[in-house]
C-alpha cells in the first residue's frame, strides 16, 4: 500500500526588546499539558542497512536533510544538517514565530497595509484596505504560503518590513539558531536569507508546542472571511497532509533554494520531524526518509 501511495504522490501536480531567551520562550510558547511528551524510551536503530547504503530511492538526495524523534529530540537521520542554505518559504516559520509572540489576541482585526510581493509569489488573496483578523492572516500565510500575508503581518507588527526583519534576527539569536539569518519575512532568494535543516527543525519543534500553529499547519483547506464578509479560500501547499499520518509543517520553493519541506509524520504514538532543503522532489524524498525511519527504528 505504501508503494501505491508513493506512485500516486509522484503523479500529483503540485518593537520591543525581548526580556531574554528564557522569558521569551516562557511567555510565548509554554506548552499546554496535551503538548507535553513523556519520553519512556529513546528510539534505537534495528540491525540492517543504513540509509546511505539502501536502494537509491531511499538515499538523502537533497542538499541538507535532518530528521528527529520529536518526543526526545533524538537525531534519526542527517546529511549536512548544519549547512547554511537558502530556505525559501521556510522563512515564514520565523515570521509566524515573531507574530505569535507579539500577538496575545489573534482575533484582533487589522487593516491590510501596502504590502510587497514579487513575481511568482504564492498569495493568500488579500487586498489593501480590507479588514481581517491576525489569525486569518497567519492561516493564509501558513496554508497558502501567502507572501501578501507575510509582508502585511511584518508591517503591521513592526511598522516596516525592515524593522520586522530585525526582530526576526533577534529571535533567531535568542533561540540560538546559530546558522540562521534573515533578510526578508517571505523567503525570497537573498544571500543574507539562510538557515540550516537543524535550525529549521528546532524552530518547528518550538512552534509545534503552540496549539494554534500545530492545528493550522495540519489543516488541508479552510475558508476565512474579511470583516466585510468576503470569503478567501485557502489550500495547504503541503500535499502529504492526510490527517492520518502527516500533520505538517511547511513547504518552500524558489529557484535559488530548490524544493524545501518540513514534514511531521505520526505513527503508533511516535512523531518524526524531517527537514529537506534543496531537494529536487521534496514530497517523495520526505516520504521515503520517513518510511525508512519507521521501518528501521524501534522505540
C-alpha atoms as a PDB file:
ATOM      1  CA  UNK A   1       0.000   0.000   0.000  1.00  0.00           C
ATOM      2  CA  UNK A   2       2.862   2.415   0.744  1.00  0.00           C
ATOM      3  CA  UNK A   3       4.215   1.788  -2.768  1.00  0.00           C
ATOM      4  CA  UNK A   4       0.826   2.612  -4.307  1.00  0.00           C
ATOM      5  CA  UNK A   5       0.563   5.749  -2.192  1.00  0.00           C
ATOM      6  CA  UNK A   6       4.012   6.831  -3.324  1.00  0.00           C
ATOM      7  CA  UNK A   7       3.148   6.333  -7.001  1.00  0.00           C
ATOM      8  CA  UNK A   8       0.010   8.444  -6.578  1.00  0.00           C
ATOM      9  CA  UNK A   9       2.040  11.040  -4.726  1.00  0.00           C
ATOM     10  CA  UNK A  10       4.585  11.327  -7.504  1.00  0.00           C
ATOM     11  CA  UNK A  11       1.802  11.858 -10.051  1.00  0.00           C
ATOM     12  CA  UNK A  12       0.217  14.710  -8.079  1.00  0.00           C
ATOM     13  CA  UNK A  13       0.805  18.235  -9.602  1.00  0.00           C
ATOM     14  CA  UNK A  14       1.701  20.064  -7.232  1.00  0.00           C
ATOM     15  CA  UNK A  15       9.346  46.511  18.680  1.00  0.00           C
ATOM     16  CA  UNK A  16      10.113  45.919  21.947  1.00  0.00           C
ATOM     17  CA  UNK A  17      13.302  44.452  23.350  1.00  0.00           C
ATOM     18  CA  UNK A  18      12.993  40.851  24.406  1.00  0.00           C
ATOM     19  CA  UNK A  19      13.132  40.020  28.082  1.00  0.00           C
ATOM     20  CA  UNK A  20      15.769  37.394  27.335  1.00  0.00           C
ATOM     21  CA  UNK A  21      15.778  33.895  25.850  1.00  0.00           C
ATOM     22  CA  UNK A  22      14.190  32.071  28.774  1.00  0.00           C
ATOM     23  CA  UNK A  23      11.433  34.609  29.402  1.00  0.00           C
ATOM     24  CA  UNK A  24      10.914  34.885  25.672  1.00  0.00           C
ATOM     25  CA  UNK A  25      10.023  31.207  25.423  1.00  0.00           C
ATOM     26  CA  UNK A  26       8.119  31.010  28.703  1.00  0.00           C
ATOM     27  CA  UNK A  27       5.885  33.950  27.815  1.00  0.00           C
ATOM     28  CA  UNK A  28       5.105  32.803  24.291  1.00  0.00           C
ATOM     29  CA  UNK A  29       5.308  29.114  23.627  1.00  0.00           C
ATOM     30  CA  UNK A  30       4.896  27.485  27.005  1.00  0.00           C
ATOM     31  CA  UNK A  31       3.333  24.178  26.011  1.00  0.00           C
ATOM     32  CA  UNK A  32      -0.147  23.219  27.123  1.00  0.00           C
ATOM     33  CA  UNK A  33      -0.359  19.895  29.009  1.00  0.00           C
ATOM     34  CA  UNK A  34      -1.555  17.944  25.982  1.00  0.00           C
ATOM     35  CA  UNK A  35       1.527  19.016  24.040  1.00  0.00           C
ATOM     36  CA  UNK A  36       3.974  17.620  26.596  1.00  0.00           C
ATOM     37  CA  UNK A  37       5.585  14.332  25.573  1.00  0.00           C
ATOM     38  CA  UNK A  38       6.831  11.906  28.201  1.00  0.00           C
ATOM     39  CA  UNK A  39       9.830  10.057  26.823  1.00  0.00           C
ATOM     40  CA  UNK A  40       9.813   6.482  28.073  1.00  0.00           C
ATOM     41  CA  UNK A  41      12.402   5.083  25.677  1.00  0.00           C
ATOM     42  CA  UNK A  42      14.739   6.586  23.135  1.00  0.00           C
ATOM     43  CA  UNK A  43      14.489   5.354  19.540  1.00  0.00           C
ATOM     44  CA  UNK A  44      17.082   2.769  18.576  1.00  0.00           C
ATOM     45  CA  UNK A  45      18.035   1.604  15.100  1.00  0.00           C
ATOM     46  CA  UNK A  46      17.491  -2.074  14.431  1.00  0.00           C
ATOM     47  CA  UNK A  47      20.040  -4.204  12.630  1.00  0.00           C
ATOM     48  CA  UNK A  48      20.140  -3.665   8.910  1.00  0.00           C
ATOM     49  CA  UNK A  49      21.429  -1.245   6.302  1.00  0.00           C
ATOM     50  CA  UNK A  50      21.996   2.414   6.981  1.00  0.00           C
ATOM     51  CA  UNK A  51      20.046   4.960   4.984  1.00  0.00           C
ATOM     52  CA  UNK A  52      23.089   5.836   2.861  1.00  0.00           C
ATOM     53  CA  UNK A  53      23.536   2.238   1.698  1.00  0.00           C
ATOM     54  CA  UNK A  54      20.000   1.175   0.796  1.00  0.00           C
ATOM     55  CA  UNK A  55      18.368   1.480  -2.609  1.00  0.00           C
ATOM     56  CA  UNK A  56      18.797   4.814  -4.357  1.00  0.00           C
ATOM     57  CA  UNK A  57      15.167   5.819  -3.787  1.00  0.00           C
ATOM     58  CA  UNK A  58      15.831   5.984  -0.045  1.00  0.00           C
ATOM     59  CA  UNK A  59      19.081   7.933  -0.123  1.00  0.00           C
ATOM     60  CA  UNK A  60      19.400  11.541   1.020  1.00  0.00           C
ATOM     61  CA  UNK A  61      19.357  13.423  -2.280  1.00  0.00           C
ATOM     62  CA  UNK A  62      18.632  16.947  -1.014  1.00  0.00           C
ATOM     63  CA  UNK A  63      21.450  19.343  -0.170  1.00  0.00           C
ATOM     64  CA  UNK A  64      20.584  19.080   3.506  1.00  0.00           C
ATOM     65  CA  UNK A  65      18.464  16.599   5.463  1.00  0.00           C
ATOM     66  CA  UNK A  66      17.741  16.207   9.157  1.00  0.00           C
ATOM     67  CA  UNK A  67      15.202  14.038  10.978  1.00  0.00           C
ATOM     68  CA  UNK A  68      14.448  13.864  14.682  1.00  0.00           C
ATOM     69  CA  UNK A  69      12.213  11.953  17.039  1.00  0.00           C
ATOM     70  CA  UNK A  70      10.051  14.837  18.237  1.00  0.00           C
ATOM     71  CA  UNK A  71       9.457  13.436  21.696  1.00  0.00           C
ATOM     72  CA  UNK A  72      13.106  13.041  22.657  1.00  0.00           C
ATOM     73  CA  UNK A  73      14.750  15.391  20.115  1.00  0.00           C
ATOM     74  CA  UNK A  74      16.938  12.443  19.106  1.00  0.00           C
ATOM     75  CA  UNK A  75      18.558  12.583  15.666  1.00  0.00           C
ATOM     76  CA  UNK A  76      17.404   9.766  13.382  1.00  0.00           C
ATOM     77  CA  UNK A  77      18.906  10.724  10.026  1.00  0.00           C
ATOM     78  CA  UNK A  78      21.138  13.544   8.861  1.00  0.00           C
ATOM     79  CA  UNK A  79      23.111  14.850   5.932  1.00  0.00           C
ATOM     80  CA  UNK A  80      24.787  18.285   6.025  1.00  0.00           C
ATOM     81  CA  UNK A  81      22.374  19.298   8.765  1.00  0.00           C
ATOM     82  CA  UNK A  82      24.339  22.449   9.705  1.00  0.00           C
ATOM     83  CA  UNK A  83      24.962  23.716   6.180  1.00  0.00           C
ATOM     84  CA  UNK A  84      23.792  27.291   5.616  1.00  0.00           C
ATOM     85  CA  UNK A  85      21.374  27.301   2.698  1.00  0.00           C
ATOM     86  CA  UNK A  86      18.640  29.451   1.261  1.00  0.00           C
ATOM     87  CA  UNK A  87      15.345  28.167   2.632  1.00  0.00           C
ATOM     88  CA  UNK A  88      12.597  29.784   0.525  1.00  0.00           C
ATOM     89  CA  UNK A  89       9.244  29.941   2.373  1.00  0.00           C
ATOM     90  CA  UNK A  90      10.504  28.004   5.386  1.00  0.00           C
ATOM     91  CA  UNK A  91      11.411  31.591   6.321  1.00  0.00           C
ATOM     92  CA  UNK A  92       7.726  32.138   7.109  1.00  0.00           C
ATOM     93  CA  UNK A  93       8.137  29.915  10.165  1.00  0.00           C
ATOM     94  CA  UNK A  94      10.105  32.690  11.847  1.00  0.00           C
ATOM     95  CA  UNK A  95       7.593  35.253  10.583  1.00  0.00           C
ATOM     96  CA  UNK A  96       4.898  33.227  12.332  1.00  0.00           C
ATOM     97  CA  UNK A  97       7.014  32.889  15.480  1.00  0.00           C
ATOM     98  CA  UNK A  98       7.531  36.630  15.869  1.00  0.00           C
ATOM     99  CA  UNK A  99       3.905  37.500  15.099  1.00  0.00           C
ATOM    100  CA  UNK A 100       2.584  34.878  17.527  1.00  0.00           C
ATOM    101  CA  UNK A 101       4.946  36.120  20.227  1.00  0.00           C
ATOM    102  CA  UNK A 102       3.755  39.690  19.729  1.00  0.00           C
ATOM    103  CA  UNK A 103       0.021  38.917  19.394  1.00  0.00           C
ATOM    104  CA  UNK A 104      -1.787  37.911  22.596  1.00  0.00           C
ATOM    105  CA  UNK A 105      -5.113  38.318  20.756  1.00  0.00           C
ATOM    106  CA  UNK A 106      -5.150  36.593  17.374  1.00  0.00           C
ATOM    107  CA  UNK A 107      -8.757  37.654  16.841  1.00  0.00           C
ATOM    108  CA  UNK A 108      -7.707  41.302  16.677  1.00  0.00           C
ATOM    109  CA  UNK A 109      -8.958  42.899  13.451  1.00  0.00           C
ATOM    110  CA  UNK A 110      -6.325  44.673  11.354  1.00  0.00           C
ATOM    111  CA  UNK A 111      -6.439  46.706   8.157  1.00  0.00           C
ATOM    112  CA  UNK A 112      -4.294  45.405   5.326  1.00  0.00           C
ATOM    113  CA  UNK A 113      -1.495  47.917   4.599  1.00  0.00           C
ATOM    114  CA  UNK A 114       0.523  48.372   1.430  1.00  0.00           C
ATOM    115  CA  UNK A 115       2.353  45.094   1.077  1.00  0.00           C
ATOM    116  CA  UNK A 116       5.252  43.848  -1.010  1.00  0.00           C
ATOM    117  CA  UNK A 117       5.243  40.820  -3.295  1.00  0.00           C
ATOM    118  CA  UNK A 118       7.430  39.588  -6.116  1.00  0.00           C
ATOM    119  CA  UNK A 119       6.618  37.940  -9.421  1.00  0.00           C
ATOM    120  CA  UNK A 120       5.808  34.283  -8.942  1.00  0.00           C
ATOM    121  CA  UNK A 121       4.930  34.602  -5.252  1.00  0.00           C
ATOM    122  CA  UNK A 122       2.242  32.411  -3.753  1.00  0.00           C
ATOM    123  CA  UNK A 123      -0.556  34.638  -2.457  1.00  0.00           C
ATOM    124  CA  UNK A 124      -3.317  34.430   0.106  1.00  0.00           C
ATOM    125  CA  UNK A 125      -5.519  36.779  -1.914  1.00  0.00           C
ATOM    126  CA  UNK A 126      -5.997  39.854   0.284  1.00  0.00           C
ATOM    127  CA  UNK A 127      -6.353  43.491  -0.832  1.00  0.00           C
ATOM    128  CA  UNK A 128      -5.062  46.729   0.661  1.00  0.00           C
ATOM    129  CA  UNK A 129      -7.626  48.382   2.929  1.00  0.00           C
ATOM    130  CA  UNK A 130      -9.539  45.188   3.744  1.00  0.00           C
ATOM    131  CA  UNK A 131     -10.025  44.287   7.397  1.00  0.00           C
ATOM    132  CA  UNK A 132      -9.315  40.785   8.655  1.00  0.00           C
ATOM    133  CA  UNK A 133      -8.127  39.062  11.839  1.00  0.00           C
ATOM    134  CA  UNK A 134      -4.487  38.319  12.559  1.00  0.00           C
ATOM    135  CA  UNK A 135      -5.494  34.686  12.999  1.00  0.00           C
ATOM    136  CA  UNK A 136      -6.748  34.521   9.431  1.00  0.00           C
ATOM    137  CA  UNK A 137      -3.699  36.342   8.058  1.00  0.00           C
ATOM    138  CA  UNK A 138      -1.455  33.801   9.762  1.00  0.00           C
ATOM    139  CA  UNK A 139      -3.601  30.993   8.382  1.00  0.00           C
ATOM    140  CA  UNK A 140      -3.271  32.363   4.851  1.00  0.00           C
ATOM    141  CA  UNK A 141       0.483  32.633   5.263  1.00  0.00           C
ATOM    142  CA  UNK A 142       0.904  29.094   6.619  1.00  0.00           C
ATOM    143  CA  UNK A 143      -1.530  27.289   4.302  1.00  0.00           C
ATOM    144  CA  UNK A 144      -1.185  29.161   1.016  1.00  0.00           C
ATOM    145  CA  UNK A 145       2.328  30.353   1.856  1.00  0.00           C
ATOM    146  CA  UNK A 146       0.982  33.804   1.064  1.00  0.00           C
ATOM    147  CA  UNK A 147       3.665  36.431   0.618  1.00  0.00           C
ATOM    148  CA  UNK A 148       0.972  39.126   0.732  1.00  0.00           C
ATOM    149  CA  UNK A 149       0.027  37.896   4.207  1.00  0.00           C
ATOM    150  CA  UNK A 150       3.670  37.632   5.332  1.00  0.00           C
ATOM    151  CA  UNK A 151       4.665  41.183   4.393  1.00  0.00           C
ATOM    152  CA  UNK A 152       1.355  42.578   5.694  1.00  0.00           C
ATOM    153  CA  UNK A 153       1.933  40.886   9.055  1.00  0.00           C
ATOM    154  CA  UNK A 154       5.507  42.187   9.119  1.00  0.00           C
ATOM    155  CA  UNK A 155       4.421  45.794   8.519  1.00  0.00           C
ATOM    156  CA  UNK A 156       1.544  45.566  10.992  1.00  0.00           C
ATOM    157  CA  UNK A 157       3.836  44.117  13.670  1.00  0.00           C
ATOM    158  CA  UNK A 158       6.903  46.343  13.350  1.00  0.00           C
ATOM    159  CA  UNK A 159       5.810  49.314  11.238  1.00  0.00           C
ATOM    160  CA  UNK A 160       8.007  48.243   8.344  1.00  0.00           C
ATOM    161  CA  UNK A 161       9.381  45.128   6.736  1.00  0.00           C
ATOM    162  CA  UNK A 162      12.952  46.132   7.622  1.00  0.00           C
ATOM    163  CA  UNK A 163      12.005  46.626  11.258  1.00  0.00           C
ATOM    164  CA  UNK A 164      10.377  43.217  11.335  1.00  0.00           C
ATOM    165  CA  UNK A 165      13.447  41.548   9.822  1.00  0.00           C
ATOM    166  CA  UNK A 166      15.483  42.986  12.686  1.00  0.00           C
ATOM    167  CA  UNK A 167      13.099  41.303  15.103  1.00  0.00           C
ATOM    168  CA  UNK A 168      13.386  38.039  13.202  1.00  0.00           C
ATOM    169  CA  UNK A 169      17.153  38.057  13.592  1.00  0.00           C
ATOM    170  CA  UNK A 170      16.939  38.928  17.284  1.00  0.00           C
ATOM    171  CA  UNK A 171      14.587  35.993  17.707  1.00  0.00           C
ATOM    172  CA  UNK A 172      16.989  33.673  15.873  1.00  0.00           C
ATOM    173  CA  UNK A 173      19.774  34.796  18.197  1.00  0.00           C
ATOM    174  CA  UNK A 174      17.557  34.352  21.258  1.00  0.00           C
ATOM    175  CA  UNK A 175      16.738  30.796  20.189  1.00  0.00           C
ATOM    176  CA  UNK A 176      20.413  30.006  19.490  1.00  0.00           C
ATOM    177  CA  UNK A 177      19.799  29.337  15.803  1.00  0.00           C
ATOM    178  CA  UNK A 178      23.460  29.906  15.033  1.00  0.00           C
ATOM    179  CA  UNK A 179      23.304  29.034  11.320  1.00  0.00           C
ATOM    180  CA  UNK A 180      20.358  31.294  10.574  1.00  0.00           C
ATOM    181  CA  UNK A 181      19.953  34.846   9.279  1.00  0.00           C
ATOM    182  CA  UNK A 182      17.005  36.580   7.675  1.00  0.00           C
ATOM    183  CA  UNK A 183      16.819  39.300   5.032  1.00  0.00           C
ATOM    184  CA  UNK A 184      13.042  39.296   4.473  1.00  0.00           C
ATOM    185  CA  UNK A 185       9.899  37.762   6.028  1.00  0.00           C
ATOM    186  CA  UNK A 186       8.930  35.781   2.916  1.00  0.00           C
ATOM    187  CA  UNK A 187      11.894  33.673   1.827  1.00  0.00           C
ATOM    188  CA  UNK A 188      12.860  35.490  -1.359  1.00  0.00           C
ATOM    189  CA  UNK A 189      16.266  34.465  -2.672  1.00  0.00           C
ATOM    190  CA  UNK A 190      18.889  36.594  -0.958  1.00  0.00           C
ATOM    191  CA  UNK A 191      22.430  35.779   0.143  1.00  0.00           C
ATOM    192  CA  UNK A 192      21.518  37.111   3.585  1.00  0.00           C
ATOM    193  CA  UNK A 193      18.474  34.878   3.987  1.00  0.00           C
ATOM    194  CA  UNK A 194      19.551  31.405   5.032  1.00  0.00           C
ATOM    195  CA  UNK A 195      19.292  28.697   7.648  1.00  0.00           C
ATOM    196  CA  UNK A 196      20.099  25.021   8.154  1.00  0.00           C
ATOM    197  CA  UNK A 197      17.976  21.916   8.373  1.00  0.00           C
ATOM    198  CA  UNK A 198      18.863  21.569  12.048  1.00  0.00           C
ATOM    199  CA  UNK A 199      17.912  25.170  12.872  1.00  0.00           C
ATOM    200  CA  UNK A 200      14.639  24.908  10.959  1.00  0.00           C
ATOM    201  CA  UNK A 201      13.716  21.724  12.805  1.00  0.00           C
ATOM    202  CA  UNK A 202      14.457  23.374  16.144  1.00  0.00           C
ATOM    203  CA  UNK A 203      12.236  26.338  15.239  1.00  0.00           C
ATOM    204  CA  UNK A 204       9.494  23.963  14.053  1.00  0.00           C
ATOM    205  CA  UNK A 205       9.780  21.899  17.230  1.00  0.00           C
ATOM    206  CA  UNK A 206       9.191  25.027  19.323  1.00  0.00           C
ATOM    207  CA  UNK A 207       6.336  26.260  17.156  1.00  0.00           C
ATOM    208  CA  UNK A 208       4.538  22.927  17.313  1.00  0.00           C
ATOM    209  CA  UNK A 209       4.133  23.450  21.047  1.00  0.00           C
ATOM    210  CA  UNK A 210       1.677  26.232  20.167  1.00  0.00           C
ATOM    211  CA  UNK A 211      -1.828  24.814  19.662  1.00  0.00           C
ATOM    212  CA  UNK A 212      -2.910  27.300  17.004  1.00  0.00           C
ATOM    213  CA  UNK A 213       0.216  26.706  14.941  1.00  0.00           C
ATOM    214  CA  UNK A 214       0.057  22.897  15.219  1.00  0.00           C
ATOM    215  CA  UNK A 215      -3.610  22.795  14.249  1.00  0.00           C
ATOM    216  CA  UNK A 216      -3.155  25.237  11.378  1.00  0.00           C
ATOM    217  CA  UNK A 217      -0.245  23.508   9.653  1.00  0.00           C
ATOM    218  CA  UNK A 218      -2.187  20.231   9.796  1.00  0.00           C
ATOM    219  CA  UNK A 219      -5.190  21.792   8.014  1.00  0.00           C
ATOM    220  CA  UNK A 220      -5.607  20.973   4.330  1.00  0.00           C
ATOM    221  CA  UNK A 221      -8.286  23.526   3.390  1.00  0.00           C
ATOM    222  CA  UNK A 222     -10.055  26.415   5.069  1.00  0.00           C
ATOM    223  CA  UNK A 223     -12.275  29.363   4.239  1.00  0.00           C
ATOM    224  CA  UNK A 224     -11.607  32.626   6.066  1.00  0.00           C
ATOM    225  CA  UNK A 225     -13.582  35.841   5.805  1.00  0.00           C
ATOM    226  CA  UNK A 226     -12.790  39.528   5.764  1.00  0.00           C
ATOM    227  CA  UNK A 227     -14.783  41.729   8.154  1.00  0.00           C
ATOM    228  CA  UNK A 228     -16.924  42.703   5.171  1.00  0.00           C
ATOM    229  CA  UNK A 229     -17.761  39.045   4.631  1.00  0.00           C
ATOM    230  CA  UNK A 230     -15.665  38.289   1.551  1.00  0.00           C
ATOM    231  CA  UNK A 231     -14.610  34.623   1.591  1.00  0.00           C
ATOM    232  CA  UNK A 232     -10.994  33.679   0.942  1.00  0.00           C
ATOM    233  CA  UNK A 233     -10.442  30.035   0.052  1.00  0.00           C
ATOM    234  CA  UNK A 234      -7.186  28.566   1.320  1.00  0.00           C
ATOM    235  CA  UNK A 235      -5.477  25.301   0.346  1.00  0.00           C
ATOM    236  CA  UNK A 236      -2.381  23.968   2.055  1.00  0.00           C
ATOM    237  CA  UNK A 237       0.636  23.668  -0.249  1.00  0.00           C
ATOM    238  CA  UNK A 238       1.759  20.505   1.582  1.00  0.00           C
ATOM    239  CA  UNK A 239       0.286  17.606  -0.414  1.00  0.00           C
ATOM    240  CA  UNK A 240       1.470  14.996   2.110  1.00  0.00           C
ATOM    241  CA  UNK A 241      -1.161  16.082   4.630  1.00  0.00           C
ATOM    242  CA  UNK A 242      -3.749  13.382   5.221  1.00  0.00           C
ATOM    243  CA  UNK A 243      -4.868  13.760   8.835  1.00  0.00           C
ATOM    244  CA  UNK A 244      -3.803  10.164   9.472  1.00  0.00           C
ATOM    245  CA  UNK A 245      -0.014  10.118   9.346  1.00  0.00           C
ATOM    246  CA  UNK A 246       1.071  13.535   8.090  1.00  0.00           C
ATOM    247  CA  UNK A 247       0.266  16.677  10.106  1.00  0.00           C
ATOM    248  CA  UNK A 248       2.521  19.479   8.797  1.00  0.00           C
ATOM    249  CA  UNK A 249       4.580  21.525   8.635  1.00  0.00           C
ATOM    250  CA  UNK A 250       5.720  23.916   5.859  1.00  0.00           C
ATOM    251  CA  UNK A 251       6.728  23.941   2.204  1.00  0.00           C
ATOM    252  CA  UNK A 252       9.086  26.239   0.347  1.00  0.00           C
ATOM    253  CA  UNK A 253      10.377  26.680  -3.164  1.00  0.00           C
ATOM    254  CA  UNK A 254      12.456  29.232  -5.043  1.00  0.00           C
ATOM    255  CA  UNK A 255      14.917  28.875  -7.883  1.00  0.00           C
ATOM    256  CA  UNK A 256      17.829  29.557  -5.526  1.00  0.00           C
ATOM    257  CA  UNK A 257      16.676  27.309  -2.686  1.00  0.00           C
ATOM    258  CA  UNK A 258      15.189  24.445  -4.637  1.00  0.00           C
ATOM    259  CA  UNK A 259      12.377  22.437  -3.082  1.00  0.00           C
ATOM    260  CA  UNK A 260      12.125  22.552   0.708  1.00  0.00           C
ATOM    261  CA  UNK A 261       9.829  20.789   3.149  1.00  0.00           C
ATOM    262  CA  UNK A 262       9.463  20.225   6.851  1.00  0.00           C
ATOM    263  CA  UNK A 263       7.188  17.236   7.409  1.00  0.00           C
ATOM    264  CA  UNK A 264       5.667  15.766  10.549  1.00  0.00           C
ATOM    265  CA  UNK A 265       4.666  12.103  10.486  1.00  0.00           C
ATOM    266  CA  UNK A 266       2.971  10.328  13.373  1.00  0.00           C
ATOM    267  CA  UNK A 267       2.773   6.556  13.811  1.00  0.00           C
ATOM    268  CA  UNK A 268       1.975   4.442  16.867  1.00  0.00           C
ATOM    269  CA  UNK A 269       2.325   7.381  19.232  1.00  0.00           C
ATOM    270  CA  UNK A 270       5.696   8.433  17.829  1.00  0.00           C
ATOM    271  CA  UNK A 271       6.362  11.650  15.910  1.00  0.00           C
ATOM    272  CA  UNK A 272       9.135  12.176  13.372  1.00  0.00           C
ATOM    273  CA  UNK A 273      10.015  15.636  12.142  1.00  0.00           C
ATOM    274  CA  UNK A 274      12.053  15.802   8.923  1.00  0.00           C
ATOM    275  CA  UNK A 275      13.566  18.743   7.043  1.00  0.00           C
ATOM    276  CA  UNK A 276      14.758  18.517   3.446  1.00  0.00           C
ATOM    277  CA  UNK A 277      16.360  21.587   1.880  1.00  0.00           C
ATOM    278  CA  UNK A 278      17.481  21.856  -1.714  1.00  0.00           C
ATOM    279  CA  UNK A 279      15.590  18.820  -2.924  1.00  0.00           C
ATOM    280  CA  UNK A 280      14.511  18.023  -6.468  1.00  0.00           C
ATOM    281  CA  UNK A 281      11.474  16.110  -5.186  1.00  0.00           C
ATOM    282  CA  UNK A 282      10.650  17.207  -1.634  1.00  0.00           C
ATOM    283  CA  UNK A 283       7.458  15.211  -1.125  1.00  0.00           C
ATOM    284  CA  UNK A 284       8.662  11.829  -2.356  1.00  0.00           C
ATOM    285  CA  UNK A 285      12.050  12.263  -0.682  1.00  0.00           C
ATOM    286  CA  UNK A 286      10.461  13.132   2.664  1.00  0.00           C
ATOM    287  CA  UNK A 287       8.039  10.232   2.285  1.00  0.00           C
ATOM    288  CA  UNK A 288      10.907   7.811   1.637  1.00  0.00           C
ATOM    289  CA  UNK A 289      13.024   9.103   4.519  1.00  0.00           C
ATOM    290  CA  UNK A 290      10.169   8.850   6.986  1.00  0.00           C
ATOM    291  CA  UNK A 291       9.235   5.389   5.701  1.00  0.00           C
ATOM    292  CA  UNK A 292      12.811   4.233   6.228  1.00  0.00           C
ATOM    293  CA  UNK A 293      12.858   5.668   9.770  1.00  0.00           C
ATOM    294  CA  UNK A 294       9.646   3.969  10.871  1.00  0.00           C
ATOM    295  CA  UNK A 295      10.887   0.700   9.356  1.00  0.00           C
ATOM    296  CA  UNK A 296      14.373   0.737  10.862  1.00  0.00           C
ATOM    297  CA  UNK A 297      13.864   2.300  14.305  1.00  0.00           C
ATOM    298  CA  UNK A 298      12.110   0.924  17.361  1.00  0.00           C
ATOM    299  CA  UNK A 299      11.058   2.811  20.494  1.00  0.00           C
END
